[in-house]
Amino acid sequence: DRDWGCDSYHQTHIPLGLAIHRESYAWSLQGFDDFIVIKNIIYNT
């Protein structure tokens, strides 16, 4: 069973077959320094 944690014993996890590539971006430039963008690419394997 592909789940992890102390409560996984009462959880039946059935995968969708997902692979996820995440990139998150931050900037130090005025006007761009007070938000964070998280890009996620979800792959159906």
PDB file of all heavy atoms in Angstrom:
ATOM      1  N   ASP A   1       0.841  -1.190   0.000  1.00  0.00           N
ATOM      2  CA  ASP A   1       0.000   0.000   0.000  1.00  0.00           C
ATOM      3  C   ASP A   1       0.876   1.241   0.000  1.00  0.00           C
ATOM      4  O   ASP A   1       1.707   1.422   0.890  1.00  0.00           O
ATOM      5  CB  ASP A   1      -0.906  -0.032   1.239  1.00  0.00           C
ATOM      6  CG  ASP A   1      -2.110   0.885   1.090  1.00  0.00           C
ATOM      7  OD1 ASP A   1      -2.249   1.516   0.028  1.00  0.00           O
ATOM      8  OD2 ASP A   1      -2.908   0.958   2.044  1.00  0.00           O
ATOM      9  N   ARG A   2       0.721   2.117  -0.981  1.00  0.00           N
ATOM     10  CA  ARG A   2       1.638   3.247  -1.172  1.00  0.00           C
ATOM     11  C   ARG A   2       1.125   4.492  -0.441  1.00  0.00           C
ATOM     12  O   ARG A   2       0.726   5.478  -1.032  1.00  0.00           O
ATOM     13  CB  ARG A   2       1.793   3.511  -2.676  1.00  0.00           C
ATOM     14  CG  ARG A   2       2.794   4.626  -3.059  1.00  0.00           C
ATOM     15  CD  ARG A   2       4.203   4.271  -2.859  1.00  0.00           C
ATOM     16  NE  ARG A   2       5.239   5.035  -3.503  1.00  0.00           N
ATOM     17  CZ  ARG A   2       5.324   6.314  -3.794  1.00  0.00           C
ATOM     18  NH1 ARG A   2       4.319   7.110  -3.596  1.00  0.00           N
ATOM     19  NH2 ARG A   2       6.406   6.820  -4.329  1.00  0.00           N
ATOM     20  N   ASP A   3       1.083   4.444   0.885  1.00  0.00           N
ATOM     21  CA  ASP A   3       0.857   5.635   1.690  1.00  0.00           C
ATOM     22  C   ASP A   3       1.725   5.533   2.932  1.00  0.00           C
ATOM     23  O   ASP A   3       2.196   4.463   3.294  1.00  0.00           O
ATOM     24  CB  ASP A   3      -0.623   5.828   2.041  1.00  0.00           C
ATOM     25  CG  ASP A   3      -1.245   4.582   2.651  1.00  0.00           C
ATOM     26  OD1 ASP A   3      -0.503   3.677   3.057  1.00  0.00           O
ATOM     27  OD2 ASP A   3      -2.481   4.511   2.701  1.00  0.00           O
ATOM     28  N   TRP A   4       1.946   6.675   3.584  1.00  0.00           N
ATOM     29  CA  TRP A   4       2.917   6.708   4.666  1.00  0.00           C
ATOM     30  C   TRP A   4       2.388   7.566   5.801  1.00  0.00           C
ATOM     31  O   TRP A   4       1.795   8.625   5.574  1.00  0.00           O
ATOM     32  CB  TRP A   4       4.245   7.278   4.151  1.00  0.00           C
ATOM     33  CG  TRP A   4       5.302   7.400   5.198  1.00  0.00           C
ATOM     34  CD1 TRP A   4       5.820   8.550   5.717  1.00  0.00           C
ATOM     35  CD2 TRP A   4       5.983   6.334   5.866  1.00  0.00           C
ATOM     36  NE1 TRP A   4       6.773   8.265   6.668  1.00  0.00           N
ATOM     37  CE2 TRP A   4       6.891   6.907   6.768  1.00  0.00           C
ATOM     38  CE3 TRP A   4       5.890   4.941   5.767  1.00  0.00           C
ATOM     39  CZ2 TRP A   4       7.715   6.137   7.582  1.00  0.00           C
ATOM     40  CZ3 TRP A   4       6.719   4.169   6.581  1.00  0.00           C
ATOM     41  CH2 TRP A   4       7.621   4.768   7.472  1.00  0.00           C
ATOM     42  N   GLY A   5       2.609   7.110   7.029  1.00  0.00           N
ATOM     43  CA  GLY A   5       2.187   7.868   8.191  1.00  0.00           C
ATOM     44  C   GLY A   5       1.547   6.964   9.223  1.00  0.00           C
ATOM     45  O   GLY A   5       1.142   5.827   8.945  1.00  0.00           O
ATOM     46  N   CYS A   6       1.426   7.482  10.430  1.00  0.00           N
ATOM     47  CA  CYS A   6       0.914   6.678  11.537  1.00  0.00           C
ATOM     48  C   CYS A   6      -0.537   6.257  11.342  1.00  0.00           C
ATOM     49  O   CYS A   6      -0.988   5.279  11.932  1.00  0.00           O
ATOM     50  CB  CYS A   6       1.050   7.458  12.843  1.00  0.00           C
ATOM     51  SG  CYS A   6       2.762   7.836  13.299  1.00  0.00           S
ATOM     52  N   ASP A   7      -1.302   6.999  10.513  1.00  0.00           N
ATOM     53  CA  ASP A   7      -2.707   6.670  10.298  1.00  0.00           C
ATOM     54  C   ASP A   7      -2.941   5.865   9.030  1.00  0.00           C
ATOM     55  O   ASP A   7      -4.096   5.631   8.649  1.00  0.00           O
ATOM     56  CB  ASP A   7      -3.537   7.959  10.240  1.00  0.00           C
ATOM     57  CG  ASP A   7      -3.587   8.672  11.576  1.00  0.00           C
ATOM     58  OD1 ASP A   7      -3.756   7.979  12.597  1.00  0.00           O
ATOM     59  OD2 ASP A   7      -3.451   9.905  11.604  1.00  0.00           O
ATOM     60  N   SER A   8      -1.882   5.427   8.362  1.00  0.00           N
ATOM     61  CA  SER A   8      -2.059   4.711   7.099  1.00  0.00           C
ATOM     62  C   SER A   8      -2.683   3.330   7.299  1.00  0.00           C
ATOM     63  O   SER A   8      -3.214   2.752   6.351  1.00  0.00           O
ATOM     64  CB  SER A   8      -0.716   4.569   6.372  1.00  0.00           C
ATOM     65  OG  SER A   8       0.194   3.802   7.140  1.00  0.00           O
ATOM     66  N   TYR A   9      -2.660   2.814   8.514  1.00  0.00           N
ATOM     67  CA  TYR A   9      -3.183   1.468   8.750  1.00  0.00           C
ATOM     68  C   TYR A   9      -4.689   1.402   8.512  1.00  0.00           C
ATOM     69  O   TYR A   9      -5.234   0.333   8.218  1.00  0.00           O
ATOM     70  CB  TYR A   9      -2.870   1.012  10.178  1.00  0.00           C
ATOM     71  CG  TYR A   9      -3.589   1.775  11.256  1.00  0.00           C
ATOM     72  CD1 TYR A   9      -4.798   1.317  11.772  1.00  0.00           C
ATOM     73  CD2 TYR A   9      -3.059   2.954  11.759  1.00  0.00           C
ATOM     74  CE1 TYR A   9      -5.464   2.027  12.757  1.00  0.00           C
ATOM     75  CE2 TYR A   9      -3.717   3.672  12.744  1.00  0.00           C
ATOM     76  CZ  TYR A   9      -4.919   3.210  13.244  1.00  0.00           C
ATOM     77  OH  TYR A   9      -5.569   3.919  14.210  1.00  0.00           O
ATOM     78  N   HIS A  10      -5.429   2.523   8.654  1.00  0.00           N
ATOM     79  CA  HIS A  10      -6.874   2.473   8.428  1.00  0.00           C
ATOM     80  C   HIS A  10      -7.249   3.118   7.085  1.00  0.00           C
ATOM     81  O   HIS A  10      -8.409   3.422   6.846  1.00  0.00           O
ATOM     82  CB  HIS A  10      -7.644   3.148   9.577  1.00  0.00           C
ATOM     83  CG  HIS A  10      -7.379   4.622   9.715  1.00  0.00           C
ATOM     84  ND1 HIS A  10      -7.833   5.550   8.806  1.00  0.00           N
ATOM     85  CD2 HIS A  10      -6.726   5.326  10.674  1.00  0.00           C
ATOM     86  CE1 HIS A  10      -7.488   6.768   9.198  1.00  0.00           C
ATOM     87  NE2 HIS A  10      -6.794   6.657  10.314  1.00  0.00           N
ATOM     88  N   GLN A  11      -6.281   3.298   6.225  1.00  0.00           N
ATOM     89  CA  GLN A  11      -6.535   3.917   4.923  1.00  0.00           C
ATOM     90  C   GLN A  11      -6.184   2.931   3.813  1.00  0.00           C
ATOM     91  O   GLN A  11      -5.100   2.338   3.814  1.00  0.00           O
ATOM     92  CB  GLN A  11      -5.668   5.185   4.756  1.00  0.00           C
ATOM     93  CG  GLN A  11      -5.883   5.937   3.458  1.00  0.00           C
ATOM     94  CD  GLN A  11      -7.113   6.817   3.495  1.00  0.00           C
ATOM     95  OE1 GLN A  11      -7.712   6.989   4.551  1.00  0.00           O
ATOM     96  NE2 GLN A  11      -7.476   7.378   2.364  1.00  0.00           N
ATOM     97  N   THR A  12      -7.094   2.743   2.869  1.00  0.00           N
ATOM     98  CA  THR A  12      -6.808   1.961   1.676  1.00  0.00           C
ATOM     99  C   THR A  12      -6.535   2.925   0.536  1.00  0.00           C
ATOM    100  O   THR A  12      -7.466   3.559   0.024  1.00  0.00           O
ATOM    101  CB  THR A  12      -7.990   1.039   1.317  1.00  0.00           C
ATOM    102  OG1 THR A  12      -8.251   0.155   2.413  1.00  0.00           O
ATOM    103  CG2 THR A  12      -7.674   0.225   0.075  1.00  0.00           C
ATOM    104  N   HIS A  13      -5.262   3.072   0.195  1.00  0.00           N
ATOM    105  CA  HIS A  13      -4.906   4.022  -0.859  1.00  0.00           C
ATOM    106  C   HIS A  13      -4.776   3.288  -2.185  1.00  0.00           C
ATOM    107  O   HIS A  13      -3.975   2.366  -2.325  1.00  0.00           O
ATOM    108  CB  HIS A  13      -3.593   4.730  -0.533  1.00  0.00           C
ATOM    109  CG  HIS A  13      -3.154   5.658  -1.632  1.00  0.00           C
ATOM    110  ND1 HIS A  13      -1.946   5.544  -2.281  1.00  0.00           N
ATOM    111  CD2 HIS A  13      -3.795   6.693  -2.221  1.00  0.00           C
ATOM    112  CE1 HIS A  13      -1.850   6.467  -3.208  1.00  0.00           C
ATOM    113  NE2 HIS A  13      -2.959   7.176  -3.194  1.00  0.00           N
ATOM    114  N   ILE A  14      -5.590   3.686  -3.163  1.00  0.00           N
ATOM    115  CA  ILE A  14      -5.544   3.108  -4.507  1.00  0.00           C
ATOM    116  C   ILE A  14      -5.003   4.174  -5.447  1.00  0.00           C
ATOM    117  O   ILE A  14      -5.642   5.208  -5.643  1.00  0.00           O
ATOM    118  CB  ILE A  14      -6.939   2.639  -4.955  1.00  0.00           C
ATOM    119  CG1 ILE A  14      -7.491   1.632  -3.944  1.00  0.00           C
ATOM    120  CG2 ILE A  14      -6.876   2.047  -6.358  1.00  0.00           C
ATOM    121  CD1 ILE A  14      -8.948   1.301  -4.151  1.00  0.00           C
ATOM    122  N   PRO A  15      -3.832   3.987  -6.026  1.00  0.00           N
ATOM    123  CA  PRO A  15      -3.203   5.050  -6.829  1.00  0.00           C
ATOM    124  C   PRO A  15      -3.952   5.311  -8.130  1.00  0.00           C
ATOM    125  O   PRO A  15      -4.580   4.428  -8.718  1.00  0.00           O
ATOM    126  CB  PRO A  15      -1.800   4.502  -7.118  1.00  0.00           C
ATOM    127  CG  PRO A  15      -1.613   3.341  -6.209  1.00  0.00           C
ATOM    128  CD  PRO A  15      -2.966   2.824  -5.883  1.00  0.00           C
ATOM    129  N   LEU A  16      -3.848   6.553  -8.584  1.00  0.00           N
ATOM    130  CA  LEU A  16      -4.322   6.930  -9.908  1.00  0.00           C
ATOM    131  C   LEU A  16      -3.244   6.717 -10.966  1.00  0.00           C
ATOM    132  O   LEU A  16      -3.523   6.767 -12.157  1.00  0.00           O
ATOM    133  CB  LEU A  16      -4.751   8.395  -9.905  1.00  0.00           C
ATOM    134  CG  LEU A  16      -6.108   8.701  -9.254  1.00  0.00           C
ATOM    135  CD1 LEU A  16      -6.203  10.172  -8.870  1.00  0.00           C
ATOM    136  CD2 LEU A  16      -7.237   8.303 -10.168  1.00  0.00           C
ATOM    137  N   GLY A  17      -1.997   6.510 -10.515  1.00  0.00           N
ATOM    138  CA  GLY A  17      -0.878   6.405 -11.451  1.00  0.00           C
ATOM    139  C   GLY A  17      -0.325   7.749 -11.825  1.00  0.00           C
ATOM    140  O   GLY A  17      -0.024   8.022 -12.995  1.00  0.00           O
ATOM    141  N   LEU A  18      -0.159   8.630 -10.820  1.00  0.00           N
ATOM    142  CA  LEU A  18       0.273  10.007 -11.059  1.00  0.00           C
ATOM    143  C   LEU A  18       1.766  10.175 -10.800  1.00  0.00           C
ATOM    144  O   LEU A  18       2.287   9.706  -9.786  1.00  0.00           O
ATOM    145  CB  LEU A  18      -0.472  10.967 -10.134  1.00  0.00           C
ATOM    146  CG  LEU A  18      -1.999  10.948 -10.164  1.00  0.00           C
ATOM    147  CD1 LEU A  18      -2.536  11.872  -9.077  1.00  0.00           C
ATOM    148  CD2 LEU A  18      -2.516  11.363 -11.533  1.00  0.00           C
ATOM    149  N   ALA A  19       2.439  10.840 -11.716  1.00  0.00           N
ATOM    150  CA  ALA A  19       3.785  11.353 -11.480  1.00  0.00           C
ATOM    151  C   ALA A  19       3.692  12.862 -11.596  1.00  0.00           C
ATOM    152  O   ALA A  19       3.102  13.391 -12.551  1.00  0.00           O
ATOM    153  CB  ALA A  19       4.770  10.793 -12.504  1.00  0.00           C
ATOM    154  N   ILE A  20       4.234  13.582 -10.627  1.00  0.00           N
ATOM    155  CA  ILE A  20       4.091  15.041 -10.597  1.00  0.00           C
ATOM    156  C   ILE A  20       5.469  15.691 -10.544  1.00  0.00           C
ATOM    157  O   ILE A  20       6.298  15.361  -9.694  1.00  0.00           O
ATOM    158  CB  ILE A  20       3.241  15.491  -9.395  1.00  0.00           C
ATOM    159  CG1 ILE A  20       1.846  14.843  -9.476  1.00  0.00           C
ATOM    160  CG2 ILE A  20       3.119  17.016  -9.365  1.00  0.00           C
ATOM    161  CD1 ILE A  20       0.960  15.136  -8.296  1.00  0.00           C
ATOM    162  N   HIS A  21       5.701  16.592 -11.478  1.00  0.00           N
ATOM    163  CA  HIS A  21       6.916  17.407 -11.517  1.00  0.00           C
ATOM    164  C   HIS A  21       6.515  18.810 -11.088  1.00  0.00           C
ATOM    165  O   HIS A  21       5.722  19.465 -11.754  1.00  0.00           O
ATOM    166  CB  HIS A  21       7.497  17.412 -12.936  1.00  0.00           C
ATOM    167  CG  HIS A  21       8.677  18.314 -13.111  1.00  0.00           C
ATOM    168  ND1 HIS A  21       9.147  18.686 -14.351  1.00  0.00           N
ATOM    169  CD2 HIS A  21       9.486  18.932 -12.210  1.00  0.00           C
ATOM    170  CE1 HIS A  21      10.192  19.480 -14.213  1.00  0.00           C
ATOM    171  NE2 HIS A  21      10.406  19.645 -12.915  1.00  0.00           N
ATOM    172  N   ARG A  22       7.053  19.251  -9.946  1.00  0.00           N
ATOM    173  CA  ARG A  22       6.710  20.566  -9.414  1.00  0.00           C
ATOM    174  C   ARG A  22       7.905  21.502  -9.472  1.00  0.00           C
ATOM    175  O   ARG A  22       9.022  21.133  -9.091  1.00  0.00           O
ATOM    176  CB  ARG A  22       6.240  20.449  -7.961  1.00  0.00           C
ATOM    177  CG  ARG A  22       5.678  21.761  -7.393  1.00  0.00           C
ATOM    178  CD  ARG A  22       5.484  21.673  -5.902  1.00  0.00           C
ATOM    179  NE  ARG A  22       6.758  21.659  -5.201  1.00  0.00           N
ATOM    180  CZ  ARG A  22       6.978  21.008  -4.054  1.00  0.00           C
ATOM    181  NH1 ARG A  22       6.027  20.294  -3.510  1.00  0.00           N
ATOM    182  NH2 ARG A  22       8.158  21.045  -3.478  1.00  0.00           N
ATOM    183  N   GLU A  23       7.679  22.719  -9.962  1.00  0.00           N
ATOM    184  CA  GLU A  23       8.645  23.803  -9.873  1.00  0.00           C
ATOM    185  C   GLU A  23       7.957  24.980  -9.194  1.00  0.00           C
ATOM    186  O   GLU A  23       6.830  25.332  -9.557  1.00  0.00           O
ATOM    187  CB  GLU A  23       9.143  24.235 -11.250  1.00  0.00           C
ATOM    188  CG  GLU A  23      10.016  23.229 -11.949  1.00  0.00           C
ATOM    189  CD  GLU A  23      10.491  23.694 -13.315  1.00  0.00           C
ATOM    190  OE1 GLU A  23       9.976  24.739 -13.807  1.00  0.00           O
ATOM    191  OE2 GLU A  23      11.363  23.028 -13.891  1.00  0.00           O
ATOM    192  N   SER A  24       8.608  25.575  -8.210  1.00  0.00           N
ATOM    193  CA  SER A  24       8.071  26.774  -7.580  1.00  0.00           C
ATOM    194  C   SER A  24       9.073  27.911  -7.751  1.00  0.00           C
ATOM    195  O   SER A  24      10.286  27.693  -7.717  1.00  0.00           O
ATOM    196  CB  SER A  24       7.742  26.530  -6.104  1.00  0.00           C
ATOM    197  OG  SER A  24       8.846  25.972  -5.409  1.00  0.00           O
ATOM    198  N   TYR A  25       8.528  29.114  -7.943  1.00  0.00           N
ATOM    199  CA  TYR A  25       9.350  30.250  -8.343  1.00  0.00           C
ATOM    200  C   TYR A  25       9.194  31.411  -7.361  1.00  0.00           C
ATOM    201  O   TYR A  25       8.089  31.712  -6.894  1.00  0.00           O
ATOM    202  CB  TYR A  25       8.951  30.750  -9.732  1.00  0.00           C
ATOM    203  CG  TYR A  25       8.814  29.676 -10.774  1.00  0.00           C
ATOM    204  CD1 TYR A  25       7.581  29.440 -11.395  1.00  0.00           C
ATOM    205  CD2 TYR A  25       9.900  28.886 -11.151  1.00  0.00           C
ATOM    206  CE1 TYR A  25       7.438  28.459 -12.363  1.00  0.00           C
ATOM    207  CE2 TYR A  25       9.766  27.901 -12.121  1.00  0.00           C
ATOM    208  CZ  TYR A  25       8.535  27.693 -12.717  1.00  0.00           C
ATOM    209  OH  TYR A  25       8.400  26.722 -13.671  1.00  0.00           O
ATOM    210  N   ALA A  26      10.320  32.061  -7.061  1.00  0.00           N
ATOM    211  CA  ALA A  26      10.320  33.269  -6.236  1.00  0.00           C
ATOM    212  C   ALA A  26      11.272  34.275  -6.864  1.00  0.00           C
ATOM    213  O   ALA A  26      12.242  33.914  -7.542  1.00  0.00           O
ATOM    214  CB  ALA A  26      10.737  32.953  -4.797  1.00  0.00           C
ATOM    215  N   TRP A  27      10.986  35.553  -6.614  1.00  0.00           N
ATOM    216  CA  TRP A  27      11.775  36.646  -7.172  1.00  0.00           C
ATOM    217  C   TRP A  27      12.118  37.656  -6.074  1.00  0.00           C
ATOM    218  O   TRP A  27      11.369  37.817  -5.118  1.00  0.00           O
ATOM    219  CB  TRP A  27      10.988  37.372  -8.264  1.00  0.00           C
ATOM    220  CG  TRP A  27      10.655  36.524  -9.447  1.00  0.00           C
ATOM    221  CD1 TRP A  27      11.362  36.380 -10.608  1.00  0.00           C
ATOM    222  CD2 TRP A  27       9.510  35.670  -9.602  1.00  0.00           C
ATOM    223  NE1 TRP A  27      10.743  35.505 -11.463  1.00  0.00           N
ATOM    224  CE2 TRP A  27       9.600  35.053 -10.876  1.00  0.00           C
ATOM    225  CE3 TRP A  27       8.419  35.364  -8.794  1.00  0.00           C
ATOM    226  CZ2 TRP A  27       8.644  34.162 -11.347  1.00  0.00           C
ATOM    227  CZ3 TRP A  27       7.465  34.472  -9.259  1.00  0.00           C
ATOM    228  CH2 TRP A  27       7.580  33.879 -10.524  1.00  0.00           C
ATOM    229  N   SER A  28      13.245  38.332  -6.236  1.00  0.00           N
ATOM    230  CA  SER A  28      13.658  39.337  -5.261  1.00  0.00           C
ATOM    231  C   SER A  28      13.492  40.750  -5.800  1.00  0.00           C
ATOM    232  O   SER A  28      13.993  41.698  -5.226  1.00  0.00           O
ATOM    233  CB  SER A  28      15.126  39.109  -4.877  1.00  0.00           C
ATOM    234  OG  SER A  28      15.959  39.192  -6.024  1.00  0.00           O
ATOM    235  N   LEU A  29      12.774  40.902  -6.906  1.00  0.00           N
ATOM    236  CA  LEU A  29      12.609  42.187  -7.557  1.00  0.00           C
ATOM    237  C   LEU A  29      11.343  42.877  -7.059  1.00  0.00           C
ATOM    238  O   LEU A  29      10.309  42.229  -6.845  1.00  0.00           O
ATOM    239  CB  LEU A  29      12.536  41.972  -9.072  1.00  0.00           C
ATOM    240  CG  LEU A  29      12.721  43.188  -9.966  1.00  0.00           C
ATOM    241  CD1 LEU A  29      14.131  43.751  -9.816  1.00  0.00           C
ATOM    242  CD2 LEU A  29      12.466  42.808 -11.422  1.00  0.00           C
ATOM    243  N   GLN A  30      11.425  44.186  -6.884  1.00  0.00           N
ATOM    244  CA  GLN A  30      10.297  44.976  -6.406  1.00  0.00           C
ATOM    245  C   GLN A  30       9.048  44.711  -7.257  1.00  0.00           C
ATOM    246  O   GLN A  30       9.093  44.738  -8.481  1.00  0.00           O
ATOM    247  CB  GLN A  30      10.662  46.457  -6.470  1.00  0.00           C
ATOM    248  CG  GLN A  30       9.569  47.403  -6.004  1.00  0.00           C
ATOM    249  CD  GLN A  30       9.984  48.851  -6.167  1.00  0.00           C
ATOM    250  OE1 GLN A  30      11.148  49.142  -6.430  1.00  0.00           O
ATOM    251  NE2 GLN A  30       9.045  49.760  -6.018  1.00  0.00           N
ATOM    252  N   GLY A  31       7.924  44.431  -6.585  1.00  0.00           N
ATOM    253  CA  GLY A  31       6.691  44.141  -7.275  1.00  0.00           C
ATOM    254  C   GLY A  31       6.490  42.668  -7.585  1.00  0.00           C
ATOM    255  O   GLY A  31       5.390  42.253  -7.952  1.00  0.00           O
ATOM    256  N   PHE A  32       7.554  41.874  -7.456  1.00  0.00           N
ATOM    257  CA  PHE A  32       7.479  40.438  -7.715  1.00  0.00           C
ATOM    258  C   PHE A  32       7.902  39.627  -6.492  1.00  0.00           C
ATOM    259  O   PHE A  32       8.028  38.411  -6.580  1.00  0.00           O
ATOM    260  CB  PHE A  32       8.386  40.054  -8.896  1.00  0.00           C
ATOM    261  CG  PHE A  32       8.005  40.703 -10.199  1.00  0.00           C
ATOM    262  CD1 PHE A  32       8.481  41.953 -10.531  1.00  0.00           C
ATOM    263  CD2 PHE A  32       7.157  40.058 -11.087  1.00  0.00           C
ATOM    264  CE1 PHE A  32       8.138  42.563 -11.727  1.00  0.00           C
ATOM    265  CE2 PHE A  32       6.803  40.649 -12.289  1.00  0.00           C
ATOM    266  CZ  PHE A  32       7.288  41.906 -12.611  1.00  0.00           C
ATOM    267  N   ASP A  33       8.120  40.289  -5.388  1.00  0.00           N
ATOM    268  CA  ASP A  33       8.732  39.635  -4.223  1.00  0.00           C
ATOM    269  C   ASP A  33       7.731  39.204  -3.163  1.00  0.00           C
ATOM    270  O   ASP A  33       8.120  38.655  -2.139  1.00  0.00           O
ATOM    271  CB  ASP A  33       9.769  40.568  -3.587  1.00  0.00           C
ATOM    272  CG  ASP A  33       9.143  41.843  -3.030  1.00  0.00           C
ATOM    273  OD1 ASP A  33       8.109  42.280  -3.570  1.00  0.00           O
ATOM    274  OD2 ASP A  33       9.685  42.396  -2.052  1.00  0.00           O
ATOM    275  N   ASP A  34       6.427  39.448  -3.398  1.00  0.00           N
ATOM    276  CA  ASP A  34       5.442  39.131  -2.360  1.00  0.00           C
ATOM    277  C   ASP A  34       4.439  38.086  -2.823  1.00  0.00           C
ATOM    278  O   ASP A  34       3.297  38.061  -2.367  1.00  0.00           O
ATOM    279  CB  ASP A  34       4.731  40.400  -1.890  1.00  0.00           C
ATOM    280  CG  ASP A  34       4.058  41.155  -3.033  1.00  0.00           C
ATOM    281  OD1 ASP A  34       4.186  40.720  -4.194  1.00  0.00           O
ATOM    282  OD2 ASP A  34       3.409  42.189  -2.757  1.00  0.00           O
ATOM    283  N   PHE A  35       4.843  37.217  -3.761  1.00  0.00           N
ATOM    284  CA  PHE A  35       4.033  36.067  -4.128  1.00  0.00           C
ATOM    285  C   PHE A  35       4.949  34.946  -4.585  1.00  0.00           C
ATOM    286  O   PHE A  35       6.092  35.172  -4.985  1.00  0.00           O
ATOM    287  CB  PHE A  35       2.996  36.404  -5.216  1.00  0.00           C
ATOM    288  CG  PHE A  35       3.578  36.858  -6.527  1.00  0.00           C
ATOM    289  CD1 PHE A  35       3.874  35.941  -7.536  1.00  0.00           C
ATOM    290  CD2 PHE A  35       3.815  38.205  -6.772  1.00  0.00           C
ATOM    291  CE1 PHE A  35       4.404  36.353  -8.752  1.00  0.00           C
ATOM    292  CE2 PHE A  35       4.337  38.628  -7.987  1.00  0.00           C
ATOM    293  CZ  PHE A  35       4.632  37.704  -8.979  1.00  0.00           C
ATOM    294  N   ILE A  36       4.455  33.723  -4.515  1.00  0.00           N
ATOM    295  CA  ILE A  36       5.191  32.540  -4.959  1.00  0.00           C
ATOM    296  C   ILE A  36       4.300  31.760  -5.915  1.00  0.00           C
ATOM    297  O   ILE A  36       3.135  31.484  -5.602  1.00  0.00           O
ATOM    298  CB  ILE A  36       5.626  31.660  -3.776  1.00  0.00           C
ATOM    299  CG1 ILE A  36       6.731  32.366  -2.978  1.00  0.00           C
ATOM    300  CG2 ILE A  36       6.112  30.292  -4.253  1.00  0.00           C
ATOM    301  CD1 ILE A  36       7.171  31.614  -1.734  1.00  0.00           C
ATOM    302  N   VAL A  37       4.833  31.430  -7.077  1.00  0.00           N
ATOM    303  CA  VAL A  37       4.109  30.673  -8.098  1.00  0.00           C
ATOM    304  C   VAL A  37       4.590  29.226  -8.067  1.00  0.00           C
ATOM    305  O   VAL A  37       5.800  28.971  -8.115  1.00  0.00           O
ATOM    306  CB  VAL A  37       4.331  31.280  -9.501  1.00  0.00           C
ATOM    307  CG1 VAL A  37       3.666  30.406 -10.563  1.00  0.00           C
ATOM    308  CG2 VAL A  37       3.796  32.704  -9.570  1.00  0.00           C
ATOM    309  N   ILE A  38       3.654  28.290  -8.001  1.00  0.00           N
ATOM    310  CA  ILE A  38       3.964  26.861  -7.963  1.00  0.00           C
ATOM    311  C   ILE A  38       3.407  26.221  -9.234  1.00  0.00           C
ATOM    312  O   ILE A  38       2.187  26.184  -9.432  1.00  0.00           O
ATOM    313  CB  ILE A  38       3.359  26.194  -6.717  1.00  0.00           C
ATOM    314  CG1 ILE A  38       3.860  26.888  -5.446  1.00  0.00           C
ATOM    315  CG2 ILE A  38       3.695  24.704  -6.685  1.00  0.00           C
ATOM    316  CD1 ILE A  38       2.975  26.681  -4.246  1.00  0.00           C
ATOM    317  N   LYS A  39       4.286  25.755 -10.095  1.00  0.00           N
ATOM    318  CA  LYS A  39       3.886  25.097 -11.338  1.00  0.00           C
ATOM    319  C   LYS A  39       3.912  23.583 -11.135  1.00  0.00           C
ATOM    320  O   LYS A  39       4.904  23.032 -10.674  1.00  0.00           O
ATOM    321  CB  LYS A  39       4.830  25.486 -12.477  1.00  0.00           C
ATOM    322  CG  LYS A  39       4.543  24.790 -13.804  1.00  0.00           C
ATOM    323  CD  LYS A  39       5.577  25.176 -14.858  1.00  0.00           C
ATOM    324  CE  LYS A  39       5.340  24.450 -16.173  1.00  0.00           C
ATOM    325  NZ  LYS A  39       6.371  24.798 -17.191  1.00  0.00           N
ATOM    326  N   ASN A  40       2.822  22.931 -11.489  1.00  0.00           N
ATOM    327  CA  ASN A  40       2.714  21.481 -11.343  1.00  0.00           C
ATOM    328  C   ASN A  40       2.377  20.863 -12.693  1.00  0.00           C
ATOM    329  O   ASN A  40       1.421  21.287 -13.354  1.00  0.00           O
ATOM    330  CB  ASN A  40       1.613  21.120 -10.346  1.00  0.00           C
ATOM    331  CG  ASN A  40       1.839  21.723  -8.978  1.00  0.00           C
ATOM    332  OD1 ASN A  40       2.508  21.146  -8.145  1.00  0.00           O
ATOM    333  ND2 ASN A  40       1.262  22.903  -8.748  1.00  0.00           N
ATOM    334  N   ILE A  41       3.138  19.863 -13.097  1.00  0.00           N
ATOM    335  CA  ILE A  41       2.822  19.088 -14.288  1.00  0.00           C
ATOM    336  C   ILE A  41       2.428  17.689 -13.823  1.00  0.00           C
ATOM    337  O   ILE A  41       3.241  16.964 -13.252  1.00  0.00           O
ATOM    338  CB  ILE A  41       4.006  19.018 -15.262  1.00  0.00           C
ATOM    339  CG1 ILE A  41       4.547  20.419 -15.580  1.00  0.00           C
ATOM    340  CG2 ILE A  41       3.572  18.340 -16.560  1.00  0.00           C
ATOM    341  CD1 ILE A  41       5.762  20.407 -16.477  1.00  0.00           C
ATOM    342  N   ILE A  42       1.151  17.313 -14.052  1.00  0.00           N
ATOM    343  CA  ILE A  42       0.632  16.018 -13.641  1.00  0.00           C
ATOM    344  C   ILE A  42       0.702  15.075 -14.830  1.00  0.00           C
ATOM    345  O   ILE A  42       0.116  15.345 -15.885  1.00  0.00           O
ATOM    346  CB  ILE A  42      -0.833  16.122 -13.178  1.00  0.00           C
ATOM    347  CG1 ILE A  42      -0.988  17.202 -12.110  1.00  0.00           C
ATOM    348  CG2 ILE A  42      -1.336  14.791 -12.653  1.00  0.00           C
ATOM    349  CD1 ILE A  42      -2.443  17.479 -11.772  1.00  0.00           C
ATOM    350  N   TYR A  43       1.395  13.965 -14.677  1.00  0.00           N
ATOM    351  CA  TYR A  43       1.539  12.963 -15.732  1.00  0.00           C
ATOM    352  C   TYR A  43       0.644  11.763 -15.437  1.00  0.00           C
ATOM    353  O   TYR A  43       0.683  11.212 -14.329  1.00  0.00           O
ATOM    354  CB  TYR A  43       2.985  12.490 -15.842  1.00  0.00           C
ATOM    355  CG  TYR A  43       3.940  13.543 -16.347  1.00  0.00           C
ATOM    356  CD1 TYR A  43       4.472  14.487 -15.484  1.00  0.00           C
ATOM    357  CD2 TYR A  43       4.308  13.595 -17.685  1.00  0.00           C
ATOM    358  CE1 TYR A  43       5.350  15.467 -15.940  1.00  0.00           C
ATOM    359  CE2 TYR A  43       5.186  14.570 -18.156  1.00  0.00           C
ATOM    360  CZ  TYR A  43       5.700  15.496 -17.279  1.00  0.00           C
ATOM    361  OH  TYR A  43       6.567  16.464 -17.736  1.00  0.00           O
ATOM    362  N   ASN A  44      -0.148  11.377 -16.415  1.00  0.00           N
ATOM    363  CA  ASN A  44      -0.877  10.109 -16.360  1.00  0.00           C
ATOM    364  C   ASN A  44       0.065   9.047 -16.886  1.00  0.00           C
ATOM    365  O   ASN A  44       0.355   8.978 -18.078  1.00  0.00           O
ATOM    366  CB  ASN A  44      -2.143  10.182 -17.217  1.00  0.00           C
ATOM    367  CG  ASN A  44      -2.889   8.862 -17.279  1.00  0.00           C
ATOM    368  OD1 ASN A  44      -2.541   7.892 -16.603  1.00  0.00           O
ATOM    369  ND2 ASN A  44      -3.920   8.805 -18.108  1.00  0.00           N
ATOM    370  N   THR A  45       0.576   8.187 -16.006  1.00  0.00           N
ATOM    371  CA  THR A  45       1.617   7.233 -16.394  1.00  0.00           C
ATOM    372  C   THR A  45       1.059   5.983 -17.075  1.00  0.00           C
ATOM    373  O   THR A  45       1.829   5.157 -17.558  1.00  0.00           O
ATOM    374  CB  THR A  45       2.448   6.807 -15.167  1.00  0.00           C
ATOM    375  OG1 THR A  45       1.597   6.143 -14.228  1.00  0.00           O
ATOM    376  CG2 THR A  45       3.091   8.018 -14.511  1.00  0.00           C
TER     377      THR A  45
END
